Amino acid sequence: MNENEESGKRVKCPFCAELIMPEAVICRFCHSDLVKQKAATSQTPGIWQAVIWNLICPGLGAWRLGYRSRGAITMLVLVGALLIGSLQIA
């Protein structure tokens, strides 16, 4: 088997970009745990899920995508605006 055929079966490591087997659990070059990387990427919600969460509560979509501080600030600003608005009505 020559090198071209062998490299066709390999994928790049997301951490070091070296060619590794697709079934690899740990990269043989940088020793990164690829199973945790695959699990983390499969658990992140997509952009449409974030849009739906933002419709439910603005800032929650950013929170779910991993932008914790941005989502928290957006939610706090929204709650503050609602409190100020309700105090002005009453």
PDB file of N, CA and C in Angstrom:
ATOM      1  N   MET A   1       0.845  -1.178   0.000  1.00  0.00           N
ATOM      2  CA  MET A   1       0.000   0.000   0.000  1.00  0.00           C
ATOM      3  C   MET A   1       0.889   1.239   0.000  1.00  0.00           C
ATOM      4  N   ASN A   2       0.673   2.135  -0.939  1.00  0.00           N
ATOM      5  CA  ASN A   2       1.529   3.311  -0.976  1.00  0.00           C
ATOM      6  C   ASN A   2       0.974   4.425  -0.079  1.00  0.00           C
ATOM      7  N   GLU A   3       1.735   5.486   0.036  1.00  0.00           N
ATOM      8  CA  GLU A   3       1.394   6.559   0.982  1.00  0.00           C
ATOM      9  C   GLU A   3       0.128   7.308   0.570  1.00  0.00           C
ATOM     10  N   ASN A   4      -0.121   7.462  -0.730  1.00  0.00           N
ATOM     11  CA  ASN A   4      -1.313   8.181  -1.191  1.00  0.00           C
ATOM     12  C   ASN A   4      -2.591   7.437  -0.825  1.00  0.00           C
ATOM     13  N   GLU A   5      -2.597   6.118  -0.970  1.00  0.00           N
ATOM     14  CA  GLU A   5      -3.771   5.336  -0.607  1.00  0.00           C
ATOM     15  C   GLU A   5      -3.998   5.394   0.899  1.00  0.00           C
ATOM     16  N   GLU A   6      -2.914   5.345   1.651  1.00  0.00           N
ATOM     17  CA  GLU A   6      -3.019   5.362   3.103  1.00  0.00           C
ATOM     18  C   GLU A   6      -3.486   6.721   3.605  1.00  0.00           C
ATOM     19  N   SER A   7      -3.024   7.825   3.002  1.00  0.00           N
ATOM     20  CA  SER A   7      -3.417   9.157   3.454  1.00  0.00           C
ATOM     21  C   SER A   7      -4.872   9.452   3.112  1.00  0.00           C
ATOM     22  N   GLY A   8      -5.443   8.774   2.127  1.00  0.00           N
ATOM     23  CA  GLY A   8      -6.849   8.957   1.781  1.00  0.00           C
ATOM     24  C   GLY A   8      -7.774   8.466   2.868  1.00  0.00           C
ATOM     25  N   LYS A   9      -7.309   7.560   3.694  1.00  0.00           N
ATOM     26  CA  LYS A   9      -8.118   7.007   4.774  1.00  0.00           C
ATOM     27  C   LYS A   9      -7.950   7.785   6.062  1.00  0.00           C
ATOM     28  N   ARG A  10      -7.123   8.788   6.055  1.00  0.00           N
ATOM     29  CA  ARG A  10      -6.820   9.517   7.285  1.00  0.00           C
ATOM     30  C   ARG A  10      -7.508  10.879   7.299  1.00  0.00           C
ATOM     31  N   VAL A  11      -7.710  11.381   8.511  1.00  0.00           N
ATOM     32  CA  VAL A  11      -8.300  12.704   8.700  1.00  0.00           C
ATOM     33  C   VAL A  11      -7.335  13.547   9.520  1.00  0.00           C
ATOM     34  N   LYS A  12      -7.537  14.862   9.502  1.00  0.00           N
ATOM     35  CA  LYS A  12      -6.666  15.743  10.270  1.00  0.00           C
ATOM     36  C   LYS A  12      -7.107  15.783  11.727  1.00  0.00           C
ATOM     37  N   CYS A  13      -6.134  15.787  12.620  1.00  0.00           N
ATOM     38  CA  CYS A  13      -6.398  15.970  14.043  1.00  0.00           C
ATOM     39  C   CYS A  13      -6.877  17.410  14.244  1.00  0.00           C
ATOM     40  N   PRO A  14      -7.967  17.641  15.006  1.00  0.00           N
ATOM     41  CA  PRO A  14      -8.455  19.008  15.199  1.00  0.00           C
ATOM     42  C   PRO A  14      -7.526  19.880  16.040  1.00  0.00           C
ATOM     43  N   PHE A  15      -6.546  19.276  16.714  1.00  0.00           N
ATOM     44  CA  PHE A  15      -5.643  20.031  17.574  1.00  0.00           C
ATOM     45  C   PHE A  15      -4.308  20.340  16.898  1.00  0.00           C
ATOM     46  N   CYS A  16      -3.718  19.344  16.222  1.00  0.00           N
ATOM     47  CA  CYS A  16      -2.381  19.550  15.647  1.00  0.00           C
ATOM     48  C   CYS A  16      -2.354  19.449  14.127  1.00  0.00           C
ATOM     49  N   ALA A  17      -3.455  19.069  13.498  1.00  0.00           N
ATOM     50  CA  ALA A  17      -3.604  18.978  12.046  1.00  0.00           C
ATOM     51  C   ALA A  17      -2.762  17.882  11.400  1.00  0.00           C
ATOM     52  N   GLU A  18      -2.242  16.954  12.181  1.00  0.00           N
ATOM     53  CA  GLU A  18      -1.533  15.806  11.614  1.00  0.00           C
ATOM     54  C   GLU A  18      -2.560  14.779  11.135  1.00  0.00           C
ATOM     55  N   LEU A  19      -2.191  13.984  10.138  1.00  0.00           N
ATOM     56  CA  LEU A  19      -3.108  12.975   9.612  1.00  0.00           C
ATOM     57  C   LEU A  19      -3.161  11.767  10.548  1.00  0.00           C
ATOM     58  N   ILE A  20      -4.382  11.428  10.967  1.00  0.00           N
ATOM     59  CA  ILE A  20      -4.591  10.286  11.864  1.00  0.00           C
ATOM     60  C   ILE A  20      -5.737   9.445  11.324  1.00  0.00           C
ATOM     61  N   MET A  21      -5.901   8.265  11.854  1.00  0.00           N
ATOM     62  CA  MET A  21      -6.994   7.390  11.452  1.00  0.00           C
ATOM     63  C   MET A  21      -8.316   7.959  11.985  1.00  0.00           C
ATOM     64  N   PRO A  22      -9.413   7.799  11.246  1.00  0.00           N
ATOM     65  CA  PRO A  22     -10.696   8.344  11.706  1.00  0.00           C
ATOM     66  C   PRO A  22     -11.199   7.708  13.003  1.00  0.00           C
ATOM     67  N   GLU A  23     -10.803   6.473  13.275  1.00  0.00           N
ATOM     68  CA  GLU A  23     -11.252   5.772  14.476  1.00  0.00           C
ATOM     69  C   GLU A  23     -10.368   6.051  15.686  1.00  0.00           C
ATOM     70  N   ALA A  24      -9.377   6.913  15.548  1.00  0.00           N
ATOM     71  CA  ALA A  24      -8.417   7.162  16.633  1.00  0.00           C
ATOM     72  C   ALA A  24      -9.114   7.736  17.852  1.00  0.00           C
ATOM     73  N   VAL A  25      -8.677   7.286  19.021  1.00  0.00           N
ATOM     74  CA  VAL A  25      -9.207   7.774  20.291  1.00  0.00           C
ATOM     75  C   VAL A  25      -8.307   8.871  20.843  1.00  0.00           C
ATOM     76  N   ILE A  26      -7.006   8.694  20.678  1.00  0.00           N
ATOM     77  CA  ILE A  26      -6.009   9.669  21.114  1.00  0.00           C
ATOM     78  C   ILE A  26      -5.063   9.918  19.947  1.00  0.00           C
ATOM     79  N   CYS A  27      -4.763  11.186  19.692  1.00  0.00           N
ATOM     80  CA  CYS A  27      -3.837  11.530  18.612  1.00  0.00           C
ATOM     81  C   CYS A  27      -2.440  11.053  18.977  1.00  0.00           C
ATOM     82  N   ARG A  28      -1.796  10.360  18.063  1.00  0.00           N
ATOM     83  CA  ARG A  28      -0.462   9.838  18.361  1.00  0.00           C
ATOM     84  C   ARG A  28       0.616  10.912  18.303  1.00  0.00           C
ATOM     85  N   PHE A  29       0.284  12.069  17.761  1.00  0.00           N
ATOM     86  CA  PHE A  29       1.267  13.145  17.656  1.00  0.00           C
ATOM     87  C   PHE A  29       1.192  14.108  18.844  1.00  0.00           C
ATOM     88  N   CYS A  30      -0.012  14.614  19.142  1.00  0.00           N
ATOM     89  CA  CYS A  30      -0.140  15.598  20.223  1.00  0.00           C
ATOM     90  C   CYS A  30      -0.769  15.014  21.488  1.00  0.00           C
ATOM     91  N   HIS A  31      -1.187  13.761  21.435  1.00  0.00           N
ATOM     92  CA  HIS A  31      -1.767  13.025  22.568  1.00  0.00           C
ATOM     93  C   HIS A  31      -3.051  13.661  23.088  1.00  0.00           C
ATOM     94  N   SER A  32      -3.816  14.319  22.211  1.00  0.00           N
ATOM     95  CA  SER A  32      -5.089  14.910  22.601  1.00  0.00           C
ATOM     96  C   SER A  32      -6.162  13.843  22.619  1.00  0.00           C
ATOM     97  N   ASP A  33      -7.118  13.990  23.542  1.00  0.00           N
ATOM     98  CA  ASP A  33      -8.224  13.048  23.664  1.00  0.00           C
ATOM     99  C   ASP A  33      -9.284  13.414  22.629  1.00  0.00           C
ATOM    100  N   LEU A  34      -9.422  12.626  21.591  1.00  0.00           N
ATOM    101  CA  LEU A  34     -10.339  12.925  20.500  1.00  0.00           C
ATOM    102  C   LEU A  34     -11.768  12.540  20.833  1.00  0.00           C
ATOM    103  N   VAL A  35     -11.974  11.621  21.772  1.00  0.00           N
ATOM    104  CA  VAL A  35     -13.319  11.209  22.152  1.00  0.00           C
ATOM    105  C   VAL A  35     -14.029  12.357  22.860  1.00  0.00           C
ATOM    106  N   LYS A  36     -13.325  13.049  23.748  1.00  0.00           N
ATOM    107  CA  LYS A  36     -13.921  14.193  24.437  1.00  0.00           C
ATOM    108  C   LYS A  36     -14.229  15.306  23.452  1.00  0.00           C
ATOM    109  N   GLN A  37     -13.380  15.504  22.456  1.00  0.00           N
ATOM    110  CA  GLN A  37     -13.602  16.536  21.442  1.00  0.00           C
ATOM    111  C   GLN A  37     -14.857  16.213  20.639  1.00  0.00           C
ATOM    112  N   LYS A  38     -15.039  14.952  20.238  1.00  0.00           N
ATOM    113  CA  LYS A  38     -16.218  14.569  19.472  1.00  0.00           C
ATOM    114  C   LYS A  38     -17.475  14.717  20.311  1.00  0.00           C
ATOM    115  N   ALA A  39     -17.410  14.370  21.596  1.00  0.00           N
ATOM    116  CA  ALA A  39     -18.570  14.496  22.476  1.00  0.00           C
ATOM    117  C   ALA A  39     -18.932  15.956  22.686  1.00  0.00           C
ATOM    118  N   ALA A  40     -17.938  16.811  22.818  1.00  0.00           N
ATOM    119  CA  ALA A  40     -18.198  18.237  23.047  1.00  0.00           C
ATOM    120  C   ALA A  40     -18.828  18.883  21.820  1.00  0.00           C
ATOM    121  N   THR A  41     -18.382  18.523  20.632  1.00  0.00           N
ATOM    122  CA  THR A  41     -18.936  19.123  19.426  1.00  0.00           C
ATOM    123  C   THR A  41     -20.331  18.593  19.128  1.00  0.00           C
ATOM    124  N   SER A  42     -20.636  17.371  19.545  1.00  0.00           N
ATOM    125  CA  SER A  42     -21.969  16.843  19.291  1.00  0.00           C
ATOM    126  C   SER A  42     -22.996  17.402  20.260  1.00  0.00           C
ATOM    127  N   GLN A  43     -22.557  17.956  21.402  1.00  0.00           N
ATOM    128  CA  GLN A  43     -23.489  18.480  22.383  1.00  0.00           C
ATOM    129  C   GLN A  43     -23.786  19.963  22.184  1.00  0.00           C
ATOM    130  N   THR A  44     -22.999  20.650  21.387  1.00  0.00           N
ATOM    131  CA  THR A  44     -23.265  22.065  21.178  1.00  0.00           C
ATOM    132  C   THR A  44     -24.484  22.217  20.285  1.00  0.00           C
ATOM    133  N   PRO A  45     -25.409  23.100  20.672  1.00  0.00           N
ATOM    134  CA  PRO A  45     -26.605  23.281  19.855  1.00  0.00           C
ATOM    135  C   PRO A  45     -26.282  24.025  18.566  1.00  0.00           C
ATOM    136  N   GLY A  46     -27.095  23.822  17.575  1.00  0.00           N
ATOM    137  CA  GLY A  46     -26.915  24.501  16.307  1.00  0.00           C
ATOM    138  C   GLY A  46     -27.434  25.927  16.380  1.00  0.00           C
ATOM    139  N   ILE A  47     -27.223  26.656  15.315  1.00  0.00           N
ATOM    140  CA  ILE A  47     -27.632  28.054  15.276  1.00  0.00           C
ATOM    141  C   ILE A  47     -29.144  28.188  15.343  1.00  0.00           C
ATOM    142  N   TRP A  48     -29.889  27.258  14.741  1.00  0.00           N
ATOM    143  CA  TRP A  48     -31.348  27.346  14.776  1.00  0.00           C
ATOM    144  C   TRP A  48     -31.892  27.060  16.163  1.00  0.00           C
ATOM    145  N   GLN A  49     -31.230  26.168  16.895  1.00  0.00           N
ATOM    146  CA  GLN A  49     -31.630  25.937  18.281  1.00  0.00           C
ATOM    147  C   GLN A  49     -31.384  27.187  19.115  1.00  0.00           C
ATOM    148  N   ALA A  50     -30.276  27.880  18.860  1.00  0.00           N
ATOM    149  CA  ALA A  50     -29.977  29.117  19.577  1.00  0.00           C
ATOM    150  C   ALA A  50     -31.014  30.188  19.254  1.00  0.00           C
ATOM    151  N   VAL A  51     -31.467  30.251  18.013  1.00  0.00           N
ATOM    152  CA  VAL A  51     -32.491  31.220  17.635  1.00  0.00           C
ATOM    153  C   VAL A  51     -33.787  30.942  18.398  1.00  0.00           C
ATOM    154  N   ILE A  52     -34.156  29.677  18.492  1.00  0.00           N
ATOM    155  CA  ILE A  52     -35.373  29.312  19.224  1.00  0.00           C
ATOM    156  C   ILE A  52     -35.234  29.659  20.703  1.00  0.00           C
ATOM    157  N   TRP A  53     -34.070  29.366  21.285  1.00  0.00           N
ATOM    158  CA  TRP A  53     -33.853  29.725  22.693  1.00  0.00           C
ATOM    159  C   TRP A  53     -33.907  31.235  22.884  1.00  0.00           C
ATOM    160  N   ASN A  54     -33.389  32.002  21.932  1.00  0.00           N
ATOM    161  CA  ASN A  54     -33.442  33.462  22.029  1.00  0.00           C
ATOM    162  C   ASN A  54     -34.866  33.981  21.906  1.00  0.00           C
ATOM    163  N   LEU A  55     -35.727  33.282  21.174  1.00  0.00           N
ATOM    164  CA  LEU A  55     -37.125  33.681  21.103  1.00  0.00           C
ATOM    165  C   LEU A  55     -37.823  33.439  22.436  1.00  0.00           C
ATOM    166  N   ILE A  56     -37.439  32.375  23.127  1.00  0.00           N
ATOM    167  CA  ILE A  56     -38.015  32.082  24.439  1.00  0.00           C
ATOM    168  C   ILE A  56     -37.562  33.129  25.448  1.00  0.00           C
ATOM    169  N   CYS A  57     -36.274  33.372  25.500  1.00  0.00           N
ATOM    170  CA  CYS A  57     -35.708  34.378  26.406  1.00  0.00           C
ATOM    171  C   CYS A  57     -34.436  34.918  25.760  1.00  0.00           C
ATOM    172  N   PRO A  58     -34.444  36.190  25.389  1.00  0.00           N
ATOM    173  CA  PRO A  58     -33.239  36.759  24.770  1.00  0.00           C
ATOM    174  C   PRO A  58     -32.006  36.571  25.649  1.00  0.00           C
ATOM    175  N   GLY A  59     -30.954  36.082  25.058  1.00  0.00           N
ATOM    176  CA  GLY A  59     -29.713  35.813  25.784  1.00  0.00           C
ATOM    177  C   GLY A  59     -29.512  34.351  26.079  1.00  0.00           C
ATOM    178  N   LEU A  60     -30.598  33.593  26.102  1.00  0.00           N
ATOM    179  CA  LEU A  60     -30.494  32.167  26.418  1.00  0.00           C
ATOM    180  C   LEU A  60     -29.819  31.384  25.288  1.00  0.00           C
ATOM    181  N   GLY A  61     -29.996  31.828  24.051  1.00  0.00           N
ATOM    182  CA  GLY A  61     -29.337  31.171  22.927  1.00  0.00           C
ATOM    183  C   GLY A  61     -27.827  31.328  22.997  1.00  0.00           C
ATOM    184  N   ALA A  62     -27.364  32.528  23.331  1.00  0.00           N
ATOM    185  CA  ALA A  62     -25.929  32.762  23.487  1.00  0.00           C
ATOM    186  C   ALA A  62     -25.395  31.943  24.656  1.00  0.00           C
ATOM    187  N   TRP A  63     -26.165  31.852  25.712  1.00  0.00           N
ATOM    188  CA  TRP A  63     -25.776  31.064  26.880  1.00  0.00           C
ATOM    189  C   TRP A  63     -25.585  29.604  26.485  1.00  0.00           C
ATOM    190  N   ARG A  64     -26.525  29.061  25.717  1.00  0.00           N
ATOM    191  CA  ARG A  64     -26.463  27.653  25.320  1.00  0.00           C
ATOM    192  C   ARG A  64     -25.336  27.383  24.328  1.00  0.00           C
ATOM    193  N   LEU A  65     -24.944  28.386  23.540  1.00  0.00           N
ATOM    194  CA  LEU A  65     -23.845  28.215  22.598  1.00  0.00           C
ATOM    195  C   LEU A  65     -22.480  28.301  23.268  1.00  0.00           C
ATOM    196  N   GLY A  66     -22.449  28.684  24.546  1.00  0.00           N
ATOM    197  CA  GLY A  66     -21.189  28.741  25.262  1.00  0.00           C
ATOM    198  C   GLY A  66     -20.714  30.142  25.569  1.00  0.00           C
ATOM    199  N   TYR A  67     -21.454  31.152  25.121  1.00  0.00           N
ATOM    200  CA  TYR A  67     -21.107  32.536  25.421  1.00  0.00           C
ATOM    201  C   TYR A  67     -21.825  32.932  26.712  1.00  0.00           C
ATOM    202  N   ARG A  68     -21.319  32.417  27.825  1.00  0.00           N
ATOM    203  CA  ARG A  68     -22.009  32.565  29.109  1.00  0.00           C
ATOM    204  C   ARG A  68     -22.168  34.026  29.530  1.00  0.00           C
ATOM    205  N   SER A  69     -21.099  34.799  29.467  1.00  0.00           N
ATOM    206  CA  SER A  69     -21.187  36.189  29.946  1.00  0.00           C
ATOM    207  C   SER A  69     -22.093  37.015  29.036  1.00  0.00           C
ATOM    208  N   ARG A  70     -22.012  36.826  27.728  1.00  0.00           N
ATOM    209  CA  ARG A  70     -22.865  37.572  26.799  1.00  0.00           C
ATOM    210  C   ARG A  70     -24.332  37.241  27.037  1.00  0.00           C
ATOM    211  N   GLY A  71     -24.628  35.967  27.238  1.00  0.00           N
ATOM    212  CA  GLY A  71     -26.011  35.564  27.494  1.00  0.00           C
ATOM    213  C   GLY A  71     -26.513  36.103  28.819  1.00  0.00           C
ATOM    214  N   ALA A  72     -25.676  36.062  29.857  1.00  0.00           N
ATOM    215  CA  ALA A  72     -26.080  36.550  31.176  1.00  0.00           C
ATOM    216  C   ALA A  72     -26.321  38.056  31.143  1.00  0.00           C
ATOM    217  N   ILE A  73     -25.450  38.801  30.472  1.00  0.00           N
ATOM    218  CA  ILE A  73     -25.624  40.259  30.391  1.00  0.00           C
ATOM    219  C   ILE A  73     -26.907  40.596  29.644  1.00  0.00           C
ATOM    220  N   THR A  74     -27.170  39.897  28.547  1.00  0.00           N
ATOM    221  CA  THR A  74     -28.388  40.145  27.779  1.00  0.00           C
ATOM    222  C   THR A  74     -29.625  39.866  28.622  1.00  0.00           C
ATOM    223  N   MET A  75     -29.610  38.756  29.360  1.00  0.00           N
ATOM    224  CA  MET A  75     -30.753  38.432  30.208  1.00  0.00           C
ATOM    225  C   MET A  75     -30.933  39.462  31.323  1.00  0.00           C
ATOM    226  N   LEU A  76     -29.820  39.906  31.938  1.00  0.00           N
ATOM    227  CA  LEU A  76     -29.917  40.896  33.012  1.00  0.00           C
ATOM    228  C   LEU A  76     -30.439  42.237  32.496  1.00  0.00           C
ATOM    229  N   VAL A  77     -29.999  42.644  31.314  1.00  0.00           N
ATOM    230  CA  VAL A  77     -30.492  43.898  30.725  1.00  0.00           C
ATOM    231  C   VAL A  77     -31.983  43.776  30.441  1.00  0.00           C
ATOM    232  N   LEU A  78     -32.420  42.644  29.928  1.00  0.00           N
ATOM    233  CA  LEU A  78     -33.838  42.440  29.640  1.00  0.00           C
ATOM    234  C   LEU A  78     -34.669  42.473  30.921  1.00  0.00           C
ATOM    235  N   VAL A  79     -34.223  41.768  31.944  1.00  0.00           N
ATOM    236  CA  VAL A  79     -34.954  41.752  33.218  1.00  0.00           C
ATOM    237  C   VAL A  79     -34.983  43.147  33.828  1.00  0.00           C
ATOM    238  N   GLY A  80     -33.864  43.860  33.771  1.00  0.00           N
ATOM    239  CA  GLY A  80     -33.818  45.225  34.293  1.00  0.00           C
ATOM    240  C   GLY A  80     -34.777  46.147  33.550  1.00  0.00           C
ATOM    241  N   ALA A  81     -34.824  46.036  32.238  1.00  0.00           N
ATOM    242  CA  ALA A  81     -35.730  46.866  31.447  1.00  0.00           C
ATOM    243  C   ALA A  81     -37.183  46.538  31.770  1.00  0.00           C
ATOM    244  N   LEU A  82     -37.488  45.269  31.964  1.00  0.00           N
ATOM    245  CA  LEU A  82     -38.856  44.884  32.328  1.00  0.00           C
ATOM    246  C   LEU A  82     -39.227  45.408  33.714  1.00  0.00           C
ATOM    247  N   LEU A  83     -38.290  45.358  34.652  1.00  0.00           N
ATOM    248  CA  LEU A  83     -38.561  45.874  36.006  1.00  0.00           C
ATOM    249  C   LEU A  83     -38.773  47.388  35.983  1.00  0.00           C
ATOM    250  N   ILE A  84     -37.951  48.104  35.267  1.00  0.00           N
ATOM    251  CA  ILE A  84     -38.090  49.555  35.170  1.00  0.00           C
ATOM    252  C   ILE A  84     -39.408  49.908  34.479  1.00  0.00           C
ATOM    253  N   GLY A  85     -39.736  49.199  33.428  1.00  0.00           N
ATOM    254  CA  GLY A  85     -40.996  49.451  32.716  1.00  0.00           C
ATOM    255  C   GLY A  85     -42.203  49.164  33.587  1.00  0.00           C
ATOM    256  N   SER A  86     -42.147  48.081  34.371  1.00  0.00           N
ATOM    257  CA  SER A  86     -43.290  47.755  35.233  1.00  0.00           C
ATOM    258  C   SER A  86     -43.420  48.746  36.380  1.00  0.00           C
ATOM    259  N   LEU A  87     -42.303  49.302  36.869  1.00  0.00           N
ATOM    260  CA  LEU A  87     -42.377  50.310  37.924  1.00  0.00           C
ATOM    261  C   LEU A  87     -42.961  51.623  37.398  1.00  0.00           C
ATOM    262  N   GLN A  88     -42.691  51.965  36.151  1.00  0.00           N
ATOM    263  CA  GLN A  88     -43.222  53.193  35.581  1.00  0.00           C
ATOM    264  C   GLN A  88     -44.720  53.081  35.319  1.00  0.00           C
ATOM    265  N   ILE A  89     -45.168  51.881  35.003  1.00  0.00           N
ATOM    266  CA  ILE A  89     -46.603  51.660  34.766  1.00  0.00           C
ATOM    267  C   ILE A  89     -47.374  51.751  36.079  1.00  0.00           C
ATOM    268  N   ALA A  90     -46.765  51.182  37.146  1.00  0.00           N
ATOM    269  CA  ALA A  90     -47.471  51.145  38.440  1.00  0.00           C
ATOM    270  C   ALA A  90     -47.423  52.436  39.121  1.00  0.00           C
TER     271      ALA A  90
END
